[in-house]
């Protein structure tokens, strides 16, 4: 039983760290992308449509990464496939 409790605790801590990094890093990447896009718009206002289109595609890709992290963390928390391979408690 001790093995099961420690494994569940470790999985929970790993999920917390994963969701923290999965929220922070894409947010930083989005901030950098928006900052760069605004800088590019300030230098070349005539390229607004091209820059905006590319920015939105990039932001969608970054956001999908954050969503994938959330899905994996939820799988680890609620349906951990590794729990099936632990030996039974004695």
N, C-alpha and C. Protein backbone atom coordinates (compact mmCIF):
# COMPACT_ATOMS: atom_id res chain seq x y z
N UNK A 1 0.82 -1.19 0.00
CA UNK A 1 0.00 0.00 0.00
C UNK A 1 0.86 1.25 0.00
N UNK A 2 2.01 1.16 0.65
CA UNK A 2 2.93 2.30 0.69
C UNK A 2 3.40 2.68 -0.71
N UNK A 3 3.66 1.66 -1.55
CA UNK A 3 4.10 1.91 -2.92
C UNK A 3 3.03 2.67 -3.69
N UNK A 4 1.78 2.26 -3.51
CA UNK A 4 0.66 2.91 -4.22
C UNK A 4 0.51 4.35 -3.78
N UNK A 5 0.59 4.61 -2.47
CA UNK A 5 0.44 5.97 -1.96
C UNK A 5 1.57 6.87 -2.45
N UNK A 6 2.79 6.37 -2.42
CA UNK A 6 3.91 7.20 -2.87
C UNK A 6 3.83 7.44 -4.37
N UNK A 7 3.37 6.44 -5.13
CA UNK A 7 3.26 6.63 -6.58
C UNK A 7 2.18 7.64 -6.91
N UNK A 8 1.06 7.58 -6.24
CA UNK A 8 -0.02 8.55 -6.46
C UNK A 8 0.44 9.95 -6.05
N UNK A 9 1.17 10.05 -4.94
CA UNK A 9 1.69 11.35 -4.51
C UNK A 9 2.68 11.91 -5.52
N UNK A 10 3.56 11.06 -6.01
CA UNK A 10 4.52 11.50 -7.02
C UNK A 10 3.82 11.93 -8.31
N UNK A 11 2.81 11.18 -8.71
CA UNK A 11 2.05 11.54 -9.92
C UNK A 11 1.36 12.89 -9.74
N UNK A 12 0.83 13.13 -8.56
CA UNK A 12 0.16 14.40 -8.30
C UNK A 12 1.14 15.55 -8.34
N UNK A 13 2.29 15.38 -7.73
CA UNK A 13 3.30 16.45 -7.75
C UNK A 13 3.79 16.69 -9.17
N UNK A 14 4.01 15.62 -9.93
CA UNK A 14 4.43 15.77 -11.33
C UNK A 14 3.36 16.48 -12.15
N UNK A 15 2.10 16.19 -11.88
CA UNK A 15 1.01 16.85 -12.60
C UNK A 15 0.95 18.34 -12.26
N UNK A 16 1.17 18.67 -11.01
CA UNK A 16 1.17 20.08 -10.59
C UNK A 16 2.31 20.83 -11.26
N UNK A 17 3.49 20.24 -11.27
CA UNK A 17 4.63 20.89 -11.93
C UNK A 17 4.38 21.00 -13.43
N UNK A 18 3.80 19.95 -14.01
CA UNK A 18 3.51 19.98 -15.44
C UNK A 18 2.53 21.05 -15.82
N UNK A 19 1.46 21.20 -15.07
CA UNK A 19 0.47 22.22 -15.41
C UNK A 19 1.02 23.62 -15.14
N UNK A 20 1.88 23.75 -14.13
CA UNK A 20 2.49 25.07 -13.87
C UNK A 20 3.38 25.47 -15.04
N UNK A 21 4.24 24.55 -15.48
CA UNK A 21 5.10 24.85 -16.62
C UNK A 21 4.30 24.98 -17.90
N UNK A 22 3.25 24.15 -18.03
CA UNK A 22 2.41 24.19 -19.22
C UNK A 22 1.57 25.44 -19.32
N UNK A 23 1.42 26.16 -18.25
CA UNK A 23 0.71 27.44 -18.29
C UNK A 23 1.68 28.61 -18.41
N UNK A 24 2.80 28.52 -17.70
CA UNK A 24 3.74 29.64 -17.70
C UNK A 24 4.50 29.79 -19.02
N UNK A 25 5.05 28.72 -19.51
CA UNK A 25 5.90 28.82 -20.70
C UNK A 25 5.14 29.24 -21.96
N UNK A 26 3.96 28.68 -22.24
CA UNK A 26 3.21 29.21 -23.39
C UNK A 26 2.79 30.67 -23.20
N UNK A 27 2.51 31.06 -21.96
CA UNK A 27 2.15 32.47 -21.72
C UNK A 27 3.34 33.38 -22.02
N UNK A 28 4.53 32.96 -21.62
CA UNK A 28 5.72 33.76 -21.95
C UNK A 28 5.96 33.80 -23.46
N UNK A 29 5.74 32.66 -24.13
CA UNK A 29 5.92 32.62 -25.58
C UNK A 29 4.90 33.51 -26.29
N UNK A 30 3.67 33.52 -25.79
CA UNK A 30 2.66 34.40 -26.38
C UNK A 30 3.01 35.87 -26.20
N UNK A 31 3.50 36.21 -25.02
CA UNK A 31 3.91 37.59 -24.78
C UNK A 31 5.04 38.01 -25.70
N UNK A 32 6.01 37.12 -25.89
CA UNK A 32 7.12 37.43 -26.79
C UNK A 32 6.63 37.57 -28.23
N UNK A 33 5.71 36.68 -28.66
CA UNK A 33 5.19 36.74 -30.03
C UNK A 33 4.41 38.03 -30.26
N UNK A 34 3.59 38.40 -29.32
CA UNK A 34 2.81 39.63 -29.47
C UNK A 34 3.72 40.85 -29.46
N UNK A 35 4.72 40.84 -28.60
CA UNK A 35 5.67 41.95 -28.56
C UNK A 35 6.42 42.09 -29.88
N UNK A 36 6.85 40.96 -30.43
CA UNK A 36 7.56 40.99 -31.71
C UNK A 36 6.64 41.45 -32.84
N UNK A 37 5.39 41.00 -32.80
CA UNK A 37 4.44 41.42 -33.84
C UNK A 37 4.17 42.92 -33.77
N UNK A 38 4.04 43.44 -32.57
CA UNK A 38 3.82 44.89 -32.44
C UNK A 38 5.04 45.68 -32.89
N UNK A 39 6.22 45.15 -32.60
CA UNK A 39 7.44 45.79 -33.07
C UNK A 39 7.50 45.79 -34.60
N UNK A 40 7.14 44.66 -35.20
CA UNK A 40 7.14 44.57 -36.66
C UNK A 40 6.09 45.50 -37.27
N UNK A 41 4.94 45.61 -36.63
CA UNK A 41 3.90 46.52 -37.12
C UNK A 41 4.34 47.98 -37.02
N UNK A 42 5.09 48.29 -35.99
CA UNK A 42 5.57 49.67 -35.84
C UNK A 42 6.59 50.01 -36.93
N UNK A 43 7.38 49.02 -37.34
CA UNK A 43 8.38 49.27 -38.38
C UNK A 43 7.79 49.23 -39.79
N UNK A 44 6.80 48.35 -40.01
CA UNK A 44 6.21 48.20 -41.34
C UNK A 44 4.69 48.14 -41.24
N UNK A 45 4.03 49.26 -41.11
CA UNK A 45 2.57 49.25 -40.97
C UNK A 45 1.85 48.73 -42.22
N UNK A 46 2.49 48.80 -43.37
CA UNK A 46 1.83 48.34 -44.60
C UNK A 46 1.74 46.80 -44.65
N UNK A 47 2.50 46.10 -43.85
CA UNK A 47 2.47 44.63 -43.82
C UNK A 47 1.56 44.11 -42.71
N UNK A 48 0.58 44.91 -42.33
CA UNK A 48 -0.27 44.57 -41.19
C UNK A 48 -1.01 43.24 -41.39
N UNK A 49 -1.61 43.02 -42.55
CA UNK A 49 -2.39 41.79 -42.77
C UNK A 49 -1.52 40.55 -42.68
N UNK A 50 -0.37 40.59 -43.28
CA UNK A 50 0.53 39.45 -43.26
C UNK A 50 1.04 39.17 -41.85
N UNK A 51 1.41 40.20 -41.14
CA UNK A 51 1.93 40.03 -39.78
C UNK A 51 0.83 39.52 -38.85
N UNK A 52 -0.36 40.08 -38.98
CA UNK A 52 -1.47 39.67 -38.12
C UNK A 52 -1.86 38.22 -38.37
N UNK A 53 -1.92 37.83 -39.63
CA UNK A 53 -2.27 36.45 -39.97
C UNK A 53 -1.23 35.48 -39.38
N UNK A 54 0.03 35.80 -39.58
CA UNK A 54 1.10 34.94 -39.04
C UNK A 54 1.07 34.91 -37.52
N UNK A 55 0.78 36.04 -36.90
CA UNK A 55 0.70 36.11 -35.44
C UNK A 55 -0.41 35.21 -34.92
N UNK A 56 -1.58 35.27 -35.53
CA UNK A 56 -2.70 34.46 -35.04
C UNK A 56 -2.45 32.96 -35.24
N UNK A 57 -1.81 32.59 -36.32
CA UNK A 57 -1.47 31.18 -36.53
C UNK A 57 -0.47 30.73 -35.46
N UNK A 58 0.53 31.55 -35.19
CA UNK A 58 1.51 31.22 -34.15
C UNK A 58 0.89 31.13 -32.77
N UNK A 59 -0.01 32.06 -32.46
CA UNK A 59 -0.67 32.03 -31.15
C UNK A 59 -1.55 30.78 -31.02
N UNK A 60 -2.19 30.38 -32.10
CA UNK A 60 -3.01 29.16 -32.05
C UNK A 60 -2.13 27.93 -31.79
N UNK A 61 -0.95 27.89 -32.40
CA UNK A 61 -0.05 26.76 -32.17
C UNK A 61 0.44 26.74 -30.73
N UNK A 62 0.76 27.89 -30.19
CA UNK A 62 1.22 27.96 -28.80
C UNK A 62 0.10 27.55 -27.85
N UNK A 63 -1.11 28.01 -28.13
CA UNK A 63 -2.25 27.66 -27.27
C UNK A 63 -2.56 26.17 -27.34
N UNK A 64 -2.40 25.57 -28.51
CA UNK A 64 -2.65 24.13 -28.62
C UNK A 64 -1.63 23.35 -27.79
N UNK A 65 -0.42 23.84 -27.69
CA UNK A 65 0.57 23.19 -26.83
C UNK A 65 0.12 23.21 -25.37
N UNK A 66 -0.42 24.34 -24.92
CA UNK A 66 -0.91 24.43 -23.54
C UNK A 66 -2.08 23.49 -23.32
N UNK A 67 -2.94 23.34 -24.31
CA UNK A 67 -4.09 22.44 -24.18
C UNK A 67 -3.62 20.99 -24.13
N UNK A 68 -2.62 20.63 -24.93
CA UNK A 68 -2.07 19.27 -24.88
C UNK A 68 -1.49 18.97 -23.51
N UNK A 69 -0.80 19.92 -22.92
CA UNK A 69 -0.25 19.73 -21.57
C UNK A 69 -1.39 19.49 -20.58
N UNK A 70 -2.47 20.25 -20.69
CA UNK A 70 -3.60 20.07 -19.79
C UNK A 70 -4.20 18.68 -19.94
N UNK A 71 -4.34 18.20 -21.16
CA UNK A 71 -4.91 16.87 -21.39
C UNK A 71 -4.02 15.79 -20.77
N UNK A 72 -2.72 15.88 -20.98
CA UNK A 72 -1.80 14.88 -20.42
C UNK A 72 -1.84 14.91 -18.89
N UNK A 73 -1.88 16.09 -18.31
CA UNK A 73 -1.93 16.20 -16.85
C UNK A 73 -3.22 15.60 -16.32
N UNK A 74 -4.34 15.82 -16.99
CA UNK A 74 -5.60 15.23 -16.54
C UNK A 74 -5.56 13.71 -16.65
N UNK A 75 -4.91 13.19 -17.68
CA UNK A 75 -4.76 11.73 -17.79
C UNK A 75 -3.92 11.19 -16.64
N UNK A 76 -2.84 11.88 -16.33
CA UNK A 76 -1.98 11.43 -15.22
C UNK A 76 -2.73 11.47 -13.90
N UNK A 77 -3.56 12.48 -13.70
CA UNK A 77 -4.27 12.61 -12.43
C UNK A 77 -5.41 11.61 -12.28
N UNK A 78 -6.22 11.45 -13.33
CA UNK A 78 -7.46 10.70 -13.16
C UNK A 78 -7.46 9.30 -13.76
N UNK A 79 -6.59 9.03 -14.72
CA UNK A 79 -6.54 7.69 -15.30
C UNK A 79 -5.10 7.36 -15.63
N UNK A 80 -4.32 7.19 -14.60
CA UNK A 80 -2.90 6.94 -14.76
C UNK A 80 -2.68 5.51 -15.24
N UNK A 81 -2.17 5.32 -16.46
CA UNK A 81 -1.98 3.96 -16.96
C UNK A 81 -0.89 3.18 -16.21
N UNK A 82 -0.01 3.86 -15.52
CA UNK A 82 1.06 3.16 -14.80
C UNK A 82 0.57 2.53 -13.50
N UNK A 83 -0.59 2.94 -13.00
CA UNK A 83 -1.10 2.35 -11.76
C UNK A 83 -1.46 0.88 -11.95
N UNK A 84 -1.76 0.47 -13.18
CA UNK A 84 -2.14 -0.92 -13.43
C UNK A 84 -0.95 -1.86 -13.28
N UNK A 85 0.27 -1.35 -13.42
CA UNK A 85 1.45 -2.20 -13.39
C UNK A 85 2.10 -2.31 -12.02
N UNK A 86 1.59 -1.63 -11.05
CA UNK A 86 2.16 -1.73 -9.70
C UNK A 86 1.77 -3.07 -9.08
N UNK A 87 2.67 -3.65 -8.30
CA UNK A 87 2.33 -4.91 -7.64
C UNK A 87 1.25 -4.68 -6.59
N UNK A 88 0.42 -5.68 -6.33
CA UNK A 88 -0.64 -5.50 -5.34
C UNK A 88 -0.05 -5.34 -3.92
N UNK A 89 -0.77 -4.58 -3.12
CA UNK A 89 -0.32 -4.33 -1.74
C UNK A 89 -0.48 -5.61 -0.91
N UNK A 90 0.45 -5.81 0.01
CA UNK A 90 0.39 -7.03 0.84
C UNK A 90 0.18 -6.69 2.29
